[in-house]
Protein backbone atom coordinates (compact mmCIF):
# COMPACT_ATOMS: atom_id res chain seq x y z
CA UNK A 1 0.00 0.00 0.00
CA UNK A 2 1.32 3.41 -1.03
CA UNK A 3 0.43 6.49 0.99
CA UNK A 4 0.97 10.19 0.33
CA UNK A 5 3.83 10.31 2.83
CA UNK A 6 5.71 7.60 0.94
CA UNK A 7 5.16 9.17 -2.49
CA UNK A 8 6.37 12.66 -1.63
CA UNK A 9 3.44 14.05 0.31
CA UNK A 10 1.95 16.58 -2.10
CA UNK A 11 0.26 16.79 -5.45
CA UNK A 12 2.12 18.25 -8.41
CA UNK A 13 1.42 21.95 -8.95
CA UNK A 14 0.67 23.26 -12.43
CA UNK A 15 3.41 25.50 -13.83
CA UNK A 16 2.44 29.06 -14.85
CA UNK A 17 2.57 30.11 -18.50
CA UNK A 18 5.15 32.86 -19.11
CA UNK A 19 4.50 35.40 -21.89
CA UNK A 20 5.57 38.92 -22.86
CA UNK A 21 3.26 41.85 -23.30
CA UNK A 22 2.90 45.61 -23.49
CA UNK A 23 1.01 47.73 -20.97
CA UNK A 24 -1.95 49.30 -22.79
CA UNK A 25 -3.83 50.84 -19.87
CA UNK A 26 -3.03 51.46 -16.20
CA UNK A 27 -6.05 51.12 -13.96
CA UNK A 28 -6.33 51.37 -10.18
CA UNK A 29 -4.07 48.55 -8.95
CA UNK A 30 -4.36 46.60 -12.22
CA UNK A 31 -3.06 46.82 -15.78
CA UNK A 32 -4.51 45.89 -19.17
CA UNK A 33 -1.72 44.09 -21.03
CA UNK A 34 -1.63 43.15 -24.73
CA UNK A 35 0.11 39.83 -25.29
CA UNK A 36 2.76 39.87 -28.04
CA UNK A 37 5.49 37.55 -29.31
CA UNK A 38 8.76 37.57 -27.40
CA UNK A 39 11.25 40.07 -28.75
CA UNK A 40 8.93 41.40 -31.47
CA UNK A 41 6.97 44.62 -31.71
CA UNK A 42 3.18 44.22 -31.79
CA UNK A 43 1.38 44.57 -35.11
CA UNK A 44 -0.95 47.63 -34.93
CA UNK A 45 -3.18 46.13 -37.65
CA UNK A 46 -3.73 42.91 -35.71
CA UNK A 47 -3.65 43.46 -31.93
CA UNK A 48 -3.01 40.48 -29.67
CA UNK A 49 -5.25 39.24 -26.86
CA UNK A 50 -5.65 41.40 -23.76
CA UNK A 51 -5.35 40.21 -20.16
CA UNK A 52 -5.76 41.94 -16.81
CA UNK A 53 -2.67 41.77 -14.59
CA UNK A 54 -1.51 42.83 -11.14
CA UNK A 55 2.01 43.43 -9.84
CA UNK A 56 3.89 40.50 -8.31
CA UNK A 57 5.18 40.83 -4.76
CA UNK A 58 8.78 41.79 -5.58
CA UNK A 59 7.70 44.60 -7.91
CA UNK A 60 5.29 45.94 -5.30
CA UNK A 61 7.77 45.70 -2.40
CA UNK A 62 10.54 47.45 -4.37
CA UNK A 63 8.14 50.14 -5.72
CA UNK A 64 8.89 49.40 -9.38
CA UNK A 65 6.86 51.82 -11.48
CA UNK A 66 5.05 50.48 -14.52
CA UNK A 67 3.56 52.92 -17.05
CA UNK A 68 1.68 52.67 -20.31
CA UNK A 69 3.91 51.39 -23.14
CA UNK A 70 6.29 49.35 -20.96
CA UNK A 71 7.19 45.80 -22.03
CA UNK A 72 6.66 43.29 -19.24
CA UNK A 73 6.85 39.55 -18.53
CA UNK A 74 3.65 37.94 -17.28
CA UNK A 75 2.75 34.73 -15.54
CA UNK A 76 -0.63 33.32 -16.48
CA UNK A 77 -2.31 30.48 -14.63
CA UNK A 78 -3.05 27.50 -16.89
CA UNK A 79 -6.57 27.51 -15.42
CA UNK A 80 -7.43 31.18 -16.14
CA UNK A 81 -5.71 32.81 -19.12
CA UNK A 82 -7.54 36.15 -18.70
CA UNK A 83 -5.80 37.18 -15.45
CA UNK A 84 -2.09 37.36 -14.80
CA UNK A 85 0.73 38.62 -12.63
CA UNK A 86 3.48 40.97 -13.85
CA UNK A 87 6.81 39.48 -12.77
CA UNK A 88 9.38 41.59 -14.62
CA UNK A 89 9.66 44.95 -16.38
CA UNK A 90 11.85 44.62 -19.49
CA UNK A 91 14.39 47.26 -20.45
CA UNK A 92 13.31 49.84 -23.01
CA UNK A 93 15.07 49.81 -26.35
CA UNK A 94 17.21 52.85 -27.10
């Protein structure tokens, strides 16, 4: 007989989906982010899907400012692809 204690004790957690996006609108405590391909500029003729996102803990604790037009990395739950968490603010191109 195998028990949970013998097999490791916990169920496997689903991994978040990481994507890149651009901040389109800053709302009160949340951001509307347009998903785009990594390293590419978004196509204005064909906009990507939009998700609502909040700041992750490290960004909030360190007071990292995010404004409209910034490129960011997001984590999306595999269960709900409409809400996400901003984990990193990418450097702006010069």
